[in-house]
Amino acid sequence: MKSGIDILIVDDDKALLGVLHSVLESEGHRVETVPSAYEALPLLERQDYDLVLVDLKMRRMDGMELLQHERLRRRGTRMVIMTAYPTVDNAVRAMRQGAFDYLVKPFQLTELRAVVERAAAAAGEAAAGGEQ
């Protein structure tokens, strides 16, 4: 199995993008970042990511819209909604629409690492044809 996974991070907070990029890349993952859902669309069309971390609240197109778009395009994408404005309704809606997880900002790096590890395990199982 490859050492890291392919991760796309979509968030309009450029400081957070920088921190997440540095942390995840230092752990051996291949990481791309974009500051908007619109900029994520062509990347998602061009490449399949093992994990997409996406902010819920962004201008023009929010994280939930990107989740819906990707669900219609390719059902296997593991997408995690990140938000500083958590509500039970948003969490339930995200999970019902196929989100892999839901992270409340500010989150601990241990929480992020746990989600990435689960995504890596799921990617490994998918690559092995669902075998465990």
Protein backbone atom coordinates (compact mmCIF):
# COMPACT_ATOMS: atom_id res chain seq x y z
CA MET A 1 0.00 0.00 0.00
CA LYS A 2 1.23 3.52 -0.72
CA SER A 3 2.51 5.50 2.24
CA GLY A 4 0.07 8.39 2.10
CA ILE A 5 -3.24 9.34 0.59
CA ASP A 6 -4.30 12.06 -1.84
CA ILE A 7 -6.07 14.87 0.01
CA LEU A 8 -7.82 18.00 -1.25
CA ILE A 9 -8.52 20.76 1.27
CA VAL A 10 -11.12 23.41 0.39
CA ASP A 11 -11.41 26.37 2.77
CA ASP A 12 -11.52 30.14 2.41
CA ASP A 13 -9.30 30.55 5.49
CA LYS A 14 -5.85 30.68 3.90
CA ALA A 15 -4.07 30.43 7.26
CA LEU A 16 -5.91 27.19 8.04
CA LEU A 17 -5.12 25.88 4.55
CA GLY A 18 -1.44 26.48 5.20
CA VAL A 19 -1.45 24.74 8.58
CA LEU A 20 -3.41 21.72 7.37
CA HIS A 21 -1.24 21.43 4.26
CA SER A 22 1.96 21.49 6.32
CA VAL A 23 0.75 19.01 8.92
CA LEU A 24 -0.70 16.48 6.48
CA GLU A 25 2.16 16.73 3.99
CA SER A 26 4.70 16.22 6.79
CA GLU A 27 2.87 12.97 7.58
CA GLY A 28 3.45 11.67 4.05
CA HIS A 29 0.22 12.62 2.32
CA ARG A 30 -0.07 14.33 -1.05
CA VAL A 31 -2.03 17.51 -0.38
CA GLU A 32 -3.59 20.15 -2.60
CA THR A 33 -5.43 23.21 -1.32
CA VAL A 34 -7.88 25.68 -2.85
CA PRO A 35 -9.71 28.61 -1.24
CA SER A 36 -13.13 27.99 -2.83
CA ALA A 37 -15.49 25.23 -3.89
CA TYR A 38 -15.50 26.61 -7.44
CA GLU A 39 -11.74 26.17 -7.65
CA ALA A 40 -12.15 22.62 -6.33
CA LEU A 41 -14.51 21.57 -9.14
CA PRO A 42 -11.90 21.26 -11.92
CA LEU A 43 -9.51 19.45 -9.58
CA LEU A 44 -12.22 16.94 -8.67
CA GLU A 45 -12.98 16.41 -12.35
CA ARG A 46 -9.31 15.79 -13.14
CA GLN A 47 -8.33 13.60 -10.17
CA ASP A 48 -9.90 11.24 -7.66
CA TYR A 49 -8.88 12.13 -4.12
CA ASP A 50 -8.89 9.68 -1.23
CA LEU A 51 -10.16 12.44 1.07
CA VAL A 52 -11.65 15.90 0.60
CA LEU A 53 -11.79 18.24 3.60
CA VAL A 54 -14.25 21.05 2.84
CA ASP A 55 -15.43 24.06 4.81
CA LEU A 56 -19.19 24.32 5.18
CA LYS A 57 -19.54 28.10 4.91
CA MET A 58 -17.95 29.71 1.85
CA ARG A 59 -19.05 32.35 -0.63
CA ARG A 60 -20.90 31.44 -3.82
CA MET A 61 -20.76 27.65 -3.35
CA ASP A 62 -20.66 26.13 0.11
CA GLY A 63 -19.29 22.81 1.30
CA MET A 64 -22.68 21.10 1.25
CA GLU A 65 -23.14 22.02 -2.42
CA LEU A 66 -19.70 20.63 -3.22
CA LEU A 67 -20.61 17.45 -1.33
CA GLN A 68 -23.80 17.08 -3.39
CA HIS A 69 -21.91 17.73 -6.63
CA GLU A 70 -19.30 15.09 -5.84
CA ARG A 71 -21.93 12.56 -4.72
CA LEU A 72 -23.63 12.88 -8.11
CA ARG A 73 -20.32 12.61 -9.96
CA ARG A 74 -18.60 9.88 -7.98
CA ARG A 75 -20.16 8.20 -4.98
CA GLY A 76 -16.91 6.84 -3.49
CA THR A 77 -15.29 10.16 -2.56
CA ARG A 78 -14.72 10.47 1.18
CA MET A 79 -15.66 14.04 2.06
CA VAL A 80 -15.41 15.63 5.49
CA ILE A 81 -17.38 18.78 6.25
CA MET A 82 -15.53 21.25 8.51
CA THR A 83 -17.37 24.08 10.21
CA ALA A 84 -17.01 26.74 12.88
CA TYR A 85 -20.83 27.02 12.93
CA PRO A 86 -21.99 23.56 13.99
CA THR A 87 -25.64 22.66 14.24
CA VAL A 88 -27.26 19.30 14.70
CA ASP A 89 -29.27 19.91 11.52
CA ASN A 90 -26.12 20.55 9.45
CA ALA A 91 -24.37 17.50 10.87
CA VAL A 92 -27.37 15.25 10.18
CA ARG A 93 -27.82 16.71 6.68
CA ALA A 94 -24.14 16.23 5.85
CA MET A 95 -24.12 12.62 7.01
CA ARG A 96 -27.37 11.82 5.19
CA GLN A 97 -25.89 13.25 2.01
CA GLY A 98 -22.90 10.98 2.33
CA ALA A 99 -20.27 12.92 4.25
CA PHE A 100 -17.53 10.68 5.61
CA ASP A 101 -17.31 12.77 8.78
CA TYR A 102 -18.04 16.19 10.28
CA LEU A 103 -15.35 18.21 12.09
CA VAL A 104 -16.12 21.20 14.30
CA LYS A 105 -13.57 24.02 14.14
CA PRO A 106 -11.36 24.56 15.94
CA PHE A 107 -10.50 20.87 16.02
CA GLN A 108 -7.52 19.16 17.56
CA LEU A 109 -4.88 17.68 15.27
CA THR A 110 -5.56 14.32 16.92
CA GLU A 111 -9.16 14.52 15.64
CA LEU A 112 -7.94 15.36 12.14
CA ARG A 113 -5.37 12.55 12.20
CA ALA A 114 -8.06 10.06 13.28
CA VAL A 115 -10.26 11.06 10.32
CA VAL A 116 -7.32 10.85 7.90
CA GLU A 117 -6.37 7.41 9.25
CA ARG A 118 -9.92 6.16 8.76
CA ALA A 119 -9.95 7.57 5.21
CA ALA A 120 -6.60 5.90 4.49
CA ALA A 121 -7.93 2.58 5.77
CA ALA A 122 -11.07 2.96 3.63
CA ALA A 123 -8.94 3.85 0.58
CA GLY A 124 -6.80 0.76 1.20
CA GLU A 125 -9.88 -1.45 1.44
CA ALA A 126 -11.30 0.06 -1.75
CA ALA A 127 -7.99 -0.53 -3.55
CA ALA A 128 -8.00 -4.13 -2.38
CA GLY A 129 -11.48 -4.60 -3.78
CA GLY A 130 -13.25 -4.32 -0.45
CA GLU A 131 -11.26 -7.14 1.14
CA GLN A 132 -10.36 -6.80 4.80
